[in-house]
Protein backbone atom coordinates (compact mmCIF):
# COMPACT_ATOMS: atom_id res chain seq x y z
CA MET A 1 98.92 -82.41 69.39
CA GLY A 2 101.07 -80.55 66.88
CA GLN A 3 103.99 -81.60 64.71
CA GLY A 4 106.24 -79.23 66.68
CA HIS A 5 105.64 -81.21 69.89
CA ASN A 6 106.47 -84.49 68.14
CA LYS A 7 109.70 -83.05 66.68
CA MET A 8 110.75 -81.88 70.14
CA LEU A 9 110.18 -85.41 71.49
CA ILE A 10 112.33 -86.84 68.70
CA ARG A 11 115.21 -84.43 69.43
CA GLU A 12 115.10 -85.30 73.13
CA MET A 13 115.16 -89.05 72.42
CA ILE A 14 118.17 -88.85 70.13
CA LYS A 15 120.11 -87.19 72.98
CA MET A 16 119.07 -89.77 75.61
CA GLU A 17 121.36 -92.59 76.74
CA PRO A 18 119.66 -95.99 77.01
CA GLY A 19 118.72 -96.92 80.56
CA VAL A 20 115.73 -97.86 82.67
CA ILE A 21 112.85 -95.43 82.16
CA ARG A 22 110.31 -94.80 84.90
CA CYS A 23 106.93 -93.71 83.59
CA LYS A 24 103.17 -94.07 84.00
CA ALA A 25 100.96 -96.87 82.72
CA THR A 26 97.52 -98.30 83.39
CA VAL A 27 97.91 -101.67 85.10
CA LEU A 28 95.23 -104.33 85.41
CA TRP A 29 95.93 -106.16 88.67
CA LYS A 30 93.02 -108.58 88.35
CA PRO A 31 90.13 -109.10 85.90
CA GLY A 32 87.14 -106.89 86.63
CA ALA A 33 89.16 -104.39 88.67
CA PRO A 34 89.53 -100.76 87.56
CA LEU A 35 92.71 -99.92 85.70
CA ALA A 36 95.30 -98.50 88.12
CA ILE A 37 97.63 -95.67 87.14
CA GLU A 38 101.02 -96.92 88.29
CA GLU A 39 104.68 -96.05 87.96
CA ILE A 40 106.46 -98.74 85.96
CA GLU A 41 110.09 -99.43 85.04
CA VAL A 42 110.84 -100.02 81.37
CA ALA A 43 114.25 -101.59 80.73
CA PRO A 44 116.29 -100.95 77.57
CA PRO A 45 115.53 -103.10 74.51
CA LYS A 46 117.53 -106.27 73.90
CA ALA A 47 118.50 -107.64 70.47
CA LYS A 48 115.78 -107.25 67.82
CA GLU A 49 113.66 -105.15 70.21
CA VAL A 50 112.47 -101.55 70.11
CA ARG A 51 111.63 -99.18 72.97
CA ILE A 52 108.89 -96.73 72.08
CA LYS A 53 107.61 -93.48 73.58
CA MET A 54 103.90 -94.02 73.11
CA VAL A 55 101.96 -90.96 71.95
CA ALA A 56 98.39 -92.14 71.37
CA THR A 57 96.34 -95.32 71.61
CA GLY A 58 92.85 -96.27 70.62
CA VAL A 59 90.60 -98.10 73.09
CA CYS A 60 89.36 -101.14 71.20
CA GLY A 61 86.31 -103.29 71.88
CA THR A 62 88.61 -106.29 72.28
CA ASP A 63 90.31 -104.57 75.23
CA ILE A 64 86.92 -103.92 76.81
CA LYS A 65 85.73 -107.50 76.30
CA HIS A 66 88.78 -109.00 77.98
CA LEU A 67 89.06 -106.61 80.94
CA ASP A 68 86.45 -108.55 82.88
CA THR A 69 87.24 -112.10 81.76
CA GLN A 70 89.01 -114.61 83.95
CA GLU A 71 91.09 -115.62 80.92
CA LEU A 72 93.58 -112.91 81.89
CA SER A 73 93.83 -113.76 85.60
CA LYS A 74 97.06 -115.76 85.28
CA PHE A 75 98.66 -112.96 83.26
CA CYS A 76 98.09 -110.12 85.72
CA PRO A 77 99.53 -107.62 86.37
CA MET A 78 99.01 -106.56 82.78
CA ILE A 79 99.11 -103.41 80.67
CA MET A 80 96.12 -103.42 78.33
CA GLY A 81 95.85 -101.83 74.88
CA HIS A 82 97.09 -102.76 71.43
CA GLU A 83 95.96 -100.03 69.03
CA GLY A 84 98.82 -97.58 69.40
CA VAL A 85 101.41 -95.31 67.81
CA GLY A 86 104.53 -93.64 69.10
CA ILE A 87 108.11 -92.59 68.45
CA VAL A 88 111.12 -94.91 68.66
CA GLU A 89 113.22 -93.99 71.71
CA SER A 90 115.95 -96.62 71.30
CA VAL A 91 116.62 -99.89 69.51
CA GLY A 92 118.40 -103.10 70.40
CA GLU A 93 121.18 -104.82 68.52
CA GLY A 94 120.29 -106.00 65.03
CA VAL A 95 117.26 -103.76 64.51
CA SER A 96 117.26 -102.47 60.93
CA SER A 97 113.69 -101.52 59.95
CA VAL A 98 113.33 -98.58 62.37
CA ARG A 99 115.63 -96.17 64.17
CA THR A 100 115.47 -93.62 66.97
CA GLY A 101 113.06 -90.81 66.12
CA ASP A 102 110.91 -92.79 63.69
CA LYS A 103 107.14 -92.63 64.04
CA VAL A 104 105.81 -96.18 64.34
CA ILE A 105 102.55 -98.07 64.58
CA LEU A 106 102.05 -101.20 66.69
CA LEU A 107 101.14 -104.39 64.81
CA CYS A 108 98.48 -106.63 66.36
CA ILE A 109 99.77 -109.46 64.18
CA PRO A 110 103.55 -109.43 63.73
CA GLN A 111 105.21 -110.06 60.37
CA CYS A 112 108.53 -111.86 60.63
CA GLY A 113 108.81 -112.21 56.85
CA GLU A 114 110.39 -115.65 57.17
CA CYS A 115 107.78 -118.20 58.30
CA LYS A 116 105.59 -120.25 55.94
CA THR A 117 102.58 -118.03 56.46
CA CYS A 118 104.50 -114.81 55.88
CA LEU A 119 105.85 -116.28 52.64
CA ASN A 120 102.35 -117.34 51.56
CA SER A 121 100.60 -114.51 49.73
CA LYS A 122 97.19 -115.83 50.82
CA ASN A 123 97.88 -115.63 54.57
CA ASN A 124 98.55 -112.81 57.03
CA ILE A 125 98.78 -114.78 60.28
CA CYS A 126 102.51 -114.90 61.04
CA THR A 127 103.50 -117.83 63.25
CA GLU A 128 105.02 -115.34 65.70
CA ILE A 129 101.45 -114.46 66.68
CA ARG A 130 102.11 -117.12 69.33
CA LEU A 131 103.53 -114.29 71.46
CA SER A 132 100.05 -112.81 71.81
CA LYS A 133 98.89 -115.91 73.68
CA THR A 134 101.60 -115.45 76.32
CA HIS A 135 101.09 -111.66 76.57
CA LEU A 136 104.87 -111.37 76.74
CA ALA A 137 106.64 -109.30 74.10
CA SER A 138 110.16 -110.53 74.84
CA GLU A 139 110.37 -114.32 74.37
CA GLY A 140 109.08 -115.55 77.70
CA THR A 141 109.76 -112.42 79.69
CA SER A 142 109.02 -108.71 79.80
CA ARG A 143 111.13 -105.57 79.91
CA ILE A 144 108.48 -103.96 82.13
CA THR A 145 108.12 -104.26 85.90
CA CYS A 146 105.86 -102.65 88.50
CA LYS A 147 106.38 -102.83 92.25
CA GLY A 148 108.96 -105.55 91.69
CA LYS A 149 106.63 -107.71 89.59
CA LEU A 150 106.99 -108.63 85.93
CA VAL A 151 104.22 -106.97 83.91
CA HIS A 152 102.54 -108.72 80.98
CA GLN A 153 101.57 -106.78 77.86
CA TYR A 154 98.16 -107.44 76.33
CA ILE A 155 98.61 -109.56 73.16
CA ALA A 156 102.34 -108.85 73.52
CA LEU A 157 101.83 -105.10 72.95
CA GLY A 158 100.38 -103.18 75.93
CA SER A 159 99.80 -99.70 74.54
CA PHE A 160 98.18 -98.08 77.62
CA SER A 161 101.62 -96.95 78.76
CA GLU A 162 103.92 -93.97 78.25
CA TYR A 163 106.72 -96.33 77.15
CA THR A 164 106.84 -99.93 75.96
CA VAL A 165 109.34 -102.44 74.55
CA LEU A 166 108.34 -104.65 71.62
CA LYS A 167 109.91 -107.02 69.13
CA GLU A 168 110.93 -105.33 65.90
CA ILE A 169 108.53 -107.56 63.95
CA SER A 170 105.60 -106.03 65.88
CA VAL A 171 106.41 -102.45 64.86
CA ALA A 172 106.30 -100.63 61.52
CA LYS A 173 107.57 -97.22 60.48
CA ILE A 174 104.90 -94.81 59.23
CA ASP A 175 104.85 -91.46 57.43
CA GLU A 176 106.69 -88.84 59.50
CA GLY A 177 103.87 -86.36 58.88
CA ALA A 178 101.13 -88.66 60.19
CA PRO A 179 98.89 -87.20 62.93
CA LEU A 180 99.44 -89.80 65.64
CA GLU A 181 96.28 -88.92 67.56
CA LYS A 182 94.27 -89.98 64.48
CA VAL A 183 96.16 -92.83 62.83
CA CYS A 184 96.48 -94.87 66.04
CA ILE A 185 93.09 -96.49 65.29
CA ILE A 186 94.31 -97.74 61.91
CA GLY A 187 96.43 -100.46 63.55
CA CYS A 188 93.50 -102.62 64.62
CA GLY A 189 89.88 -101.49 64.37
CA PHE A 190 90.05 -99.67 61.06
CA ALA A 191 92.41 -102.15 59.39
CA THR A 192 90.15 -105.01 60.48
CA GLY A 193 86.96 -103.56 59.04
CA TYR A 194 88.33 -101.85 55.95
CA GLY A 195 90.39 -104.91 55.02
CA ALA A 196 87.42 -107.25 55.47
CA ALA A 197 85.76 -105.42 52.59
CA ILE A 198 88.84 -104.83 50.43
CA ASN A 199 90.83 -108.04 50.98
CA SER A 200 88.63 -110.74 52.50
CA ALA A 201 85.37 -110.19 50.63
CA LYS A 202 86.88 -108.36 47.67
CA VAL A 203 83.81 -106.15 47.26
CA THR A 204 83.25 -105.28 43.61
CA PRO A 205 82.10 -102.02 41.97
CA GLY A 206 78.31 -101.76 41.67
CA SER A 207 77.69 -104.52 44.23
CA THR A 208 75.27 -104.62 47.17
CA CYS A 209 76.49 -105.00 50.76
CA ALA A 210 75.03 -105.36 54.25
CA VAL A 211 76.94 -104.71 57.48
CA PHE A 212 75.67 -106.15 60.78
CA GLY A 213 76.97 -104.04 63.69
CA LEU A 214 77.88 -100.37 63.63
CA GLY A 215 80.73 -100.06 66.09
CA GLY A 216 84.13 -98.81 65.00
CA VAL A 217 84.91 -101.97 63.04
CA GLY A 218 81.50 -102.13 61.35
CA LEU A 219 81.74 -98.51 60.28
CA SER A 220 85.22 -99.25 58.91
CA VAL A 221 83.69 -102.05 56.83
CA ILE A 222 81.27 -99.49 55.38
CA ILE A 223 84.20 -97.21 54.51
CA GLY A 224 85.83 -100.17 52.75
CA CYS A 225 82.67 -101.07 50.82
CA LYS A 226 82.33 -97.47 49.68
CA ALA A 227 85.99 -97.30 48.64
CA ALA A 228 85.52 -100.51 46.63
CA GLY A 229 82.64 -98.92 44.71
CA ALA A 230 79.62 -100.71 46.20
CA ALA A 231 76.36 -99.27 44.85
CA ARG A 232 74.25 -99.97 47.92
CA ILE A 233 75.42 -100.42 51.51
CA ILE A 234 72.83 -101.39 54.12
CA ALA A 235 73.78 -100.76 57.76
CA VAL A 236 72.07 -103.08 60.26
CA ASP A 237 71.96 -102.42 64.01
CA ILE A 238 69.49 -102.25 66.90
CA ASN A 239 71.09 -98.98 68.07
CA LYS A 240 69.52 -96.30 65.87
CA ASP A 241 71.82 -93.68 67.38
CA ARG A 242 74.52 -95.13 65.11
CA PHE A 243 72.55 -94.58 61.89
CA ALA A 244 73.61 -90.97 61.31
CA LYS A 245 77.27 -91.93 61.66
CA ALA A 246 76.77 -94.86 59.28
CA LYS A 247 75.30 -92.52 56.68
CA THR A 248 78.22 -90.13 57.18
CA VAL A 249 80.80 -92.81 56.30
CA GLY A 250 78.91 -94.25 53.33
CA ALA A 251 75.81 -96.29 54.19
CA THR A 252 72.92 -95.83 51.76
CA ASP A 253 70.28 -97.47 53.99
CA CYS A 254 69.93 -98.16 57.72
CA VAL A 255 67.80 -100.96 59.17
CA ASP A 256 66.78 -101.89 62.72
CA PRO A 257 65.73 -105.58 62.72
CA ARG A 258 63.27 -104.88 65.55
CA ASP A 259 61.16 -102.75 63.22
CA PHE A 260 60.06 -105.85 61.30
CA GLU A 261 58.06 -108.94 62.19
CA LYS A 262 59.99 -111.15 59.78
CA PRO A 263 63.66 -112.19 60.09
CA ILE A 264 66.28 -109.71 58.94
CA GLU A 265 67.44 -112.04 56.15
CA GLU A 266 63.96 -111.87 54.63
CA VAL A 267 63.92 -108.09 55.02
CA LEU A 268 67.21 -107.74 53.17
CA SER A 269 66.15 -110.24 50.52
CA ASP A 270 63.09 -108.09 49.85
CA MET A 271 65.16 -104.90 49.75
CA ILE A 272 67.76 -106.40 47.41
CA ASP A 273 66.18 -108.88 45.02
CA GLY A 274 67.30 -112.27 46.30
CA GLY A 275 69.83 -110.99 48.86
CA VAL A 276 73.03 -108.96 48.95
CA ASP A 277 76.27 -109.77 47.17
CA PHE A 278 78.34 -109.29 50.34
CA CYS A 279 77.33 -109.43 54.01
CA PHE A 280 79.57 -108.72 57.00
CA GLU A 281 78.83 -109.98 60.53
CA VAL A 282 80.60 -107.60 62.93
CA THR A 283 78.55 -107.91 66.13
CA GLY A 284 80.34 -111.01 67.45
CA ASN A 285 76.93 -112.60 68.08
CA THR A 286 77.03 -116.25 67.04
CA GLU A 287 73.29 -116.29 66.30
CA ALA A 288 73.74 -113.42 63.85
CA VAL A 289 76.13 -115.42 61.65
CA GLY A 290 73.31 -117.55 60.26
CA ALA A 291 71.19 -114.47 59.62
CA ALA A 292 74.09 -112.77 57.84
CA LEU A 293 74.72 -115.82 55.67
CA GLY A 294 71.01 -116.07 54.90
CA SER A 295 71.02 -112.42 53.83
CA CYS A 296 73.45 -113.23 51.01
CA HIS A 297 72.26 -114.02 47.51
CA LYS A 298 71.84 -117.79 47.26
CA ASP A 299 73.76 -118.09 44.00
CA HIS A 300 76.91 -116.11 44.74
CA GLY A 301 76.68 -114.24 48.06
CA VAL A 302 79.74 -113.97 50.30
CA CYS A 303 79.41 -113.67 54.09
CA VAL A 304 82.43 -112.58 56.13
CA THR A 305 82.66 -112.88 59.91
CA VAL A 306 84.86 -109.99 60.98
CA GLY A 307 87.16 -110.41 63.97
CA ALA A 308 86.39 -112.60 66.97
CA LEU A 309 82.99 -113.95 67.94
CA ALA A 310 81.71 -113.61 71.50
CA SER A 311 83.96 -116.43 72.67
CA PHE A 312 86.65 -118.56 71.06
CA THR A 313 84.71 -121.60 72.31
CA SER A 314 81.41 -120.47 70.77
CA THR A 315 79.51 -122.98 68.65
CA LEU A 316 77.74 -121.90 65.47
CA SER A 317 74.31 -123.25 64.62
CA ILE A 318 73.43 -122.59 60.99
CA ARG A 319 70.59 -124.11 58.99
CA SER A 320 72.07 -126.61 56.57
CA HIS A 321 69.91 -125.51 53.63
CA LEU A 322 71.92 -122.27 53.47
CA PHE A 323 74.84 -124.30 52.17
CA PHE A 324 72.76 -126.01 49.49
CA SER A 325 73.58 -123.00 47.37
CA GLY A 326 76.47 -120.96 46.03
CA ARG A 327 76.90 -118.96 49.25
CA ILE A 328 80.35 -118.65 50.81
CA LEU A 329 81.06 -118.18 54.54
CA LYS A 330 84.56 -117.08 55.51
CA GLY A 331 86.48 -115.46 58.33
CA SER A 332 88.76 -112.44 58.39
CA ILE A 333 91.52 -111.55 60.85
CA LEU A 334 92.90 -108.00 60.89
CA GLY A 335 91.50 -107.47 57.43
CA GLY A 336 93.92 -109.88 55.78
CA TRP A 337 96.75 -107.33 55.77
CA LYS A 338 100.43 -108.30 55.71
CA THR A 339 100.94 -105.97 58.63
CA LYS A 340 104.51 -104.68 58.53
CA GLU A 341 104.38 -103.87 54.82
CA GLU A 342 100.72 -102.91 54.39
CA ILE A 343 99.52 -101.15 57.58
CA PRO A 344 101.92 -98.22 56.92
CA LYS A 345 100.40 -97.95 53.43
CA LEU A 346 96.97 -97.49 55.04
CA VAL A 347 98.38 -94.58 57.04
CA SER A 348 99.71 -93.05 53.83
CA ASP A 349 96.35 -93.62 52.09
CA TYR A 350 94.61 -91.78 54.93
CA MET A 351 96.99 -88.87 54.54
CA ALA A 352 96.31 -88.91 50.78
CA LYS A 353 92.58 -88.62 51.64
CA LYS A 354 91.66 -91.93 50.02
CA PHE A 355 89.36 -92.46 53.03
CA ASN A 356 88.47 -90.58 56.19
CA ILE A 357 88.75 -92.14 59.66
CA ASP A 358 88.09 -88.92 61.58
CA PRO A 359 84.34 -89.59 62.10
CA LEU A 360 85.21 -92.81 63.95
CA ILE A 361 86.97 -90.95 66.78
CA THR A 362 84.26 -89.58 69.05
CA HIS A 363 86.23 -89.03 72.27
CA THR A 364 89.81 -88.03 73.13
CA LEU A 365 91.02 -88.42 76.72
CA THR A 366 94.28 -88.76 78.66
CA LEU A 367 95.95 -91.82 80.17
CA SER A 368 94.68 -90.85 83.63
CA GLU A 369 91.13 -91.00 82.22
CA ALA A 370 91.47 -94.59 80.98
CA ASN A 371 88.67 -95.89 83.21
CA GLU A 372 86.35 -93.20 81.88
CA ALA A 373 87.21 -94.36 78.37
CA VAL A 374 86.34 -97.93 79.33
CA GLN A 375 82.93 -96.86 80.64
CA LEU A 376 82.24 -94.80 77.52
CA MET A 377 82.95 -97.83 75.35
CA LYS A 378 80.81 -100.12 77.52
CA SER A 379 77.90 -97.68 77.45
CA GLY A 380 77.78 -97.58 73.66
CA GLN A 381 78.14 -93.79 73.70
CA CYS A 382 81.55 -94.01 72.08
CA ILE A 383 82.62 -95.28 68.65
CA ARG A 384 86.36 -94.97 69.26
CA CYS A 385 88.09 -93.28 72.17
CA VAL A 386 91.72 -92.20 71.83
CA LEU A 387 93.99 -91.84 74.86
CA LEU A 388 96.77 -89.28 74.55
CA LEU A 389 99.90 -90.43 76.35
């Protein structure tokens, strides 16, 4: 997808008069059902809202996990997806941070800039994240309908669509030269992993790190550890097919726990005298959290759980002796980034070649191939699949 095509889209949008747009989207009518390609109606944005011509979206593991869960049943029909980029088609009254023709990235966590958490430098979880629980981007309603029914948008975004309407606080302008088919994955998966290393753990130069789980987020953690100057980065996974990719992005060692009779924490303690300085649990497996914490050096090791565990109601069972030490266990959501101000900087850093996300994108498909993308992700054959819209 070339820059010329994007510039043509921008010129066309500037000429357009606001009105209802009919376009294609993937709609989930009930959990467990295949995504249906449907015609939807996207109304103009209201005050403080932005209508976007979506260009590309990543298919995230969080999308895949929730497709089959009954948690979403009361929110269907729904447009899935949250890791997207596009071009502003029109804006509602009072919008000041973006304008028609701007390239923008969707923000999984909004940033209103006014609430207590936005004003707290130690927190990135804006109180407006409440919208994600309703899956409605427009204060209790949606600007999108299909077959006469209101359509919900996954975590108040819904990027598997040719057009969408979002609140201004959930959108950020990015570099006009950014390749949208690449930088779409920065908005969630990459930001989550990279930020876990840079912001949450604060990996130090010369340190030792271990990363449990080598999906797109885990590999992004490795990229972050390398960027921070870690001397040794051990990639841990039971899927050895991921080892070559892990080495490509910066891992120094790769370990399959099944190759050893003793627990992985003992293996890592033997490899790194006393345990690693930083360990990242990225599999979502609750049982792995204890192993990750135990892999940390007992005097100063930091263990970070990255993203969501298998279920929000999961219970952790960790041996108490692990806390009779200097170890630290902490969480990380979206890498700790203040999204509206910092996610665009990540896009600029990518363009400045401060890191490379290209190896994370293993498949590129079209919107009509969304179900194929889902199956690729479920099979483990795919690190990150991008849908071109």
